[in-house]
C-alpha atoms as a PDB file:
ATOM      1  CA  ASN A   1    -116.616 -74.661  17.452  1.00  0.00           C
ATOM      2  CA  VAL A   2    -116.937 -73.263  20.984  1.00  0.00           C
ATOM      3  CA  GLN A   3    -117.759 -69.614  21.517  1.00  0.00           C
ATOM      4  CA  ILE A   4    -117.935 -67.778  24.821  1.00  0.00           C
ATOM      5  CA  TYR A   5    -119.900 -64.545  25.104  1.00  0.00           C
ATOM      6  CA  GLY A   6    -119.693 -61.885  27.791  1.00  0.00           C
ATOM      7  CA  ASP A   7    -122.506 -59.543  28.814  1.00  0.00           C
ATOM      8  CA  ASP A   8    -121.570 -56.880  26.245  1.00  0.00           C
ATOM      9  CA  GLU A   9    -121.379 -59.395  23.391  1.00  0.00           C
ATOM     10  CA  CYS A  10    -124.757 -60.864  24.351  1.00  0.00           C
ATOM     11  CA  ARG A  11    -126.411 -57.436  24.308  1.00  0.00           C
ATOM     12  CA  GLN A  12    -124.772 -56.605  20.985  1.00  0.00           C
ATOM     13  CA  PHE A  13    -126.060 -59.882  19.535  1.00  0.00           C
ATOM     14  CA  VAL A  14    -129.630 -59.109  20.632  1.00  0.00           C
ATOM     15  CA  SER A  15    -129.335 -55.563  19.299  1.00  0.00           C
ATOM     16  CA  GLU A  16    -128.090 -56.710  15.878  1.00  0.00           C
ATOM     17  CA  HIS A  17    -130.204 -59.802  15.294  1.00  0.00           C
ATOM     18  CA  TYR A  18    -133.334 -59.337  17.433  1.00  0.00           C
ATOM     19  CA  PRO A  19    -133.792 -55.573  17.903  1.00  0.00           C
ATOM     20  CA  GLN A  20    -137.517 -56.132  18.526  1.00  0.00           C
ATOM     21  CA  PHE A  21    -136.540 -57.767  21.836  1.00  0.00           C
ATOM     22  CA  LEU A  22    -133.841 -55.330  22.972  1.00  0.00           C
ATOM     23  CA  PHE A  23    -136.168 -53.281  25.191  1.00  0.00           C
ATOM     24  CA  SER A  24    -137.358 -56.442  26.954  1.00  0.00           C
ATOM     25  CA  TYR A  25    -133.797 -57.746  27.208  1.00  0.00           C
ATOM     26  CA  ASP A  26    -132.573 -54.531  28.818  1.00  0.00           C
ATOM     27  CA  ALA A  27    -135.573 -54.446  31.180  1.00  0.00           C
ATOM     28  CA  LEU A  28    -134.791 -57.822  32.741  1.00  0.00           C
ATOM     29  CA  PRO A  29    -133.699 -57.099  36.318  1.00  0.00           C
ATOM     30  CA  GLU A  30    -131.021 -59.784  36.723  1.00  0.00           C
ATOM     31  CA  PRO A  31    -128.041 -60.671  34.496  1.00  0.00           C
ATOM     32  CA  VAL A  32    -128.974 -64.356  34.703  1.00  0.00           C
ATOM     33  CA  MET A  33    -132.375 -63.548  33.183  1.00  0.00           C
ATOM     34  CA  ARG A  34    -130.702 -61.791  30.248  1.00  0.00           C
ATOM     35  CA  ALA A  35    -128.430 -64.808  29.808  1.00  0.00           C
ATOM     36  CA  ASP A  36    -131.487 -67.073  29.744  1.00  0.00           C
ATOM     37  CA  MET A  37    -133.110 -64.986  27.014  1.00  0.00           C
ATOM     38  CA  TRP A  38    -129.885 -64.738  25.018  1.00  0.00           C
ATOM     39  CA  ARG A  39    -129.337 -68.507  24.912  1.00  0.00           C
ATOM     40  CA  TYR A  40    -132.715 -69.050  23.260  1.00  0.00           C
ATOM     41  CA  LEU A  41    -132.092 -66.307  20.723  1.00  0.00           C
ATOM     42  CA  ILE A  42    -128.620 -67.474  19.745  1.00  0.00           C
ATOM     43  CA  LEU A  43    -129.908 -71.006  19.233  1.00  0.00           C
ATOM     44  CA  HIS A  44    -132.785 -69.635  17.180  1.00  0.00           C
ATOM     45  CA  LYS A  45    -130.357 -67.691  14.980  1.00  0.00           C
ATOM     46  CA  TYR A  46    -127.584 -70.248  14.485  1.00  0.00           C
ATOM     47  CA  GLY A  47    -128.784 -73.567  15.873  1.00  0.00           C
ATOM     48  CA  GLY A  48    -126.333 -75.832  17.632  1.00  0.00           C
ATOM     49  CA  VAL A  49    -125.773 -76.984  21.182  1.00  0.00           C
ATOM     50  CA  TYR A  50    -125.782 -74.824  24.298  1.00  0.00           C
ATOM     51  CA  LEU A  51    -124.223 -76.068  27.519  1.00  0.00           C
ATOM     52  CA  ASP A  52    -123.474 -74.046  30.616  1.00  0.00           C
ATOM     53  CA  SER A  53    -119.738 -73.826  31.181  1.00  0.00           C
ATOM     54  CA  ASP A  54    -119.924 -76.083  34.253  1.00  0.00           C
ATOM     55  CA  MET A  55    -121.534 -78.972  32.343  1.00  0.00           C
ATOM     56  CA  GLN A  56    -119.693 -82.079  31.243  1.00  0.00           C
ATOM     57  CA  CYS A  57    -120.779 -83.901  28.096  1.00  0.00           C
ATOM     58  CA  LEU A  58    -120.727 -87.662  28.623  1.00  0.00           C
ATOM     59  CA  HIS A  59    -121.806 -88.632  25.080  1.00  0.00           C
ATOM     60  CA  GLU A  60    -121.154 -87.213  21.611  1.00  0.00           C
ATOM     61  CA  PHE A  61    -123.787 -84.691  20.552  1.00  0.00           C
ATOM     62  CA  ASN A  62    -124.623 -86.578  17.371  1.00  0.00           C
ATOM     63  CA  ARG A  63    -125.627 -89.622  19.471  1.00  0.00           C
ATOM     64  CA  TRP A  64    -128.058 -87.858  21.815  1.00  0.00           C
ATOM     65  CA  ALA A  65    -131.222 -88.397  19.774  1.00  0.00           C
ATOM     66  CA  SER A  66    -130.468 -91.981  18.781  1.00  0.00           C
ATOM     67  CA  MET A  67    -129.789 -92.897  22.424  1.00  0.00           C
ATOM     68  CA  LEU A  68    -133.300 -91.783  23.402  1.00  0.00           C
ATOM     69  CA  LEU A  69    -135.245 -93.549  20.672  1.00  0.00           C
ATOM     70  CA  PRO A  70    -135.992 -97.259  20.399  1.00  0.00           C
ATOM     71  CA  LEU A  71    -133.818 -99.068  17.867  1.00  0.00           C
ATOM     72  CA  HIS A  72    -136.645 -99.370  15.315  1.00  0.00           C
ATOM     73  CA  SER A  73    -137.233 -95.589  15.501  1.00  0.00           C
ATOM     74  CA  ARG A  74    -133.676 -94.348  15.163  1.00  0.00           C
ATOM     75  CA  GLN A  75    -134.272 -93.156  11.616  1.00  0.00           C
ATOM     76  CA  GLN A  76    -136.712 -90.680  13.168  1.00  0.00           C
ATOM     77  CA  SER A  77    -133.799 -89.020  14.986  1.00  0.00           C
ATOM     78  CA  LEU A  78    -132.995 -87.246  11.724  1.00  0.00           C
ATOM     79  CA  ASN A  79    -136.290 -85.357  12.052  1.00  0.00           C
ATOM     80  CA  ILE A  80    -135.706 -84.014  15.557  1.00  0.00           C
ATOM     81  CA  GLY A  81    -135.540 -80.226  15.498  1.00  0.00           C
ATOM     82  CA  ALA A  82    -134.808 -79.444  19.147  1.00  0.00           C
ATOM     83  CA  MET A  83    -133.769 -81.162  22.348  1.00  0.00           C
ATOM     84  CA  VAL A  84    -134.088 -79.945  25.928  1.00  0.00           C
ATOM     85  CA  GLY A  85    -132.128 -81.386  28.815  1.00  0.00           C
ATOM     86  CA  ILE A  86    -133.751 -83.047  31.768  1.00  0.00           C
ATOM     87  CA  GLU A  87    -132.585 -83.453  35.315  1.00  0.00           C
ATOM     88  CA  PHE A  88    -133.539 -86.436  37.396  1.00  0.00           C
ATOM     89  CA  ARG A  89    -133.314 -85.720  41.097  1.00  0.00           C
ATOM     90  CA  GLY A  90    -135.485 -88.397  42.600  1.00  0.00           C
ATOM     91  CA  ASN A  91    -137.585 -87.530  45.611  1.00  0.00           C
ATOM     92  CA  ILE A  92    -135.207 -85.540  47.759  1.00  0.00           C
ATOM     93  CA  PRO A  93    -136.814 -84.349  51.030  1.00  0.00           C
ATOM     94  CA  GLU A  94    -134.832 -81.082  51.006  1.00  0.00           C
ATOM     95  CA  ASP A  95    -136.255 -80.232  47.569  1.00  0.00           C
ATOM     96  CA  GLU A  96    -139.801 -80.812  48.761  1.00  0.00           C
ATOM     97  CA  GLN A  97    -139.255 -78.454  51.684  1.00  0.00           C
ATOM     98  CA  GLU A  98    -138.022 -75.747  49.306  1.00  0.00           C
ATOM     99  CA  GLY A  99    -140.898 -76.268  46.860  1.00  0.00           C
ATOM    100  CA  MET A 100    -138.699 -77.764  44.132  1.00  0.00           C
ATOM    101  CA  PRO A 101    -140.279 -79.918  41.420  1.00  0.00           C
ATOM    102  CA  LYS A 102    -140.103 -83.638  42.004  1.00  0.00           C
ATOM    103  CA  ALA A 103    -138.178 -86.266  40.086  1.00  0.00           C
ATOM    104  CA  ILE A 104    -137.768 -85.021  36.505  1.00  0.00           C
ATOM    105  CA  GLN A 105    -137.619 -81.417  35.374  1.00  0.00           C
ATOM    106  CA  PHE A 106    -136.645 -79.647  32.154  1.00  0.00           C
ATOM    107  CA  VAL A 107    -133.483 -77.595  32.312  1.00  0.00           C
ATOM    108  CA  GLN A 108    -132.121 -74.753  30.237  1.00  0.00           C
ATOM    109  CA  TRP A 109    -128.446 -75.388  30.807  1.00  0.00           C
ATOM    110  CA  THR A 110    -128.451 -78.075  28.111  1.00  0.00           C
ATOM    111  CA  LEU A 111    -130.253 -77.243  24.858  1.00  0.00           C
ATOM    112  CA  ALA A 112    -129.783 -78.209  21.220  1.00  0.00           C
ATOM    113  CA  GLY A 113    -131.644 -77.440  18.047  1.00  0.00           C
ATOM    114  CA  LYS A 114    -131.785 -76.429  14.437  1.00  0.00           C
ATOM    115  CA  ALA A 115    -131.566 -72.766  13.470  1.00  0.00           C
ATOM    116  CA  GLY A 116    -134.987 -71.169  13.257  1.00  0.00           C
ATOM    117  CA  HIS A 117    -136.743 -73.720  15.441  1.00  0.00           C
ATOM    118  CA  PRO A 118    -139.799 -72.022  16.986  1.00  0.00           C
ATOM    119  CA  ILE A 119    -139.207 -73.455  20.470  1.00  0.00           C
ATOM    120  CA  PHE A 120    -136.363 -70.949  20.847  1.00  0.00           C
ATOM    121  CA  TYR A 121    -138.406 -67.971  19.652  1.00  0.00           C
ATOM    122  CA  HIS A 122    -141.892 -68.243  21.138  1.00  0.00           C
END
């Protein structure tokens, strides 16, 4: 089930489900910052998978965890509560000049997790 939220729907969601954070949400100076906060809260509330609209999924969601674990550990994939995307850029000279992190970095445009997982709340 895919759902798309606009700015008004995101604010309404925060107001209804996380009113303790509404002041902080409204105080964020940029819309992208509010979107960042909202994505963590919606995953905390409902769980699921979040992808930015310009992302392309190359593998089925239910295979993500098992693809990352050694064969003898695949049963452990049932215990994974949250997953965060990574981006591998290599050592790109332009990135170094702009102060970008090297090689591997966590991203927030690909996230998945179970409802209530603390990584999305704290």
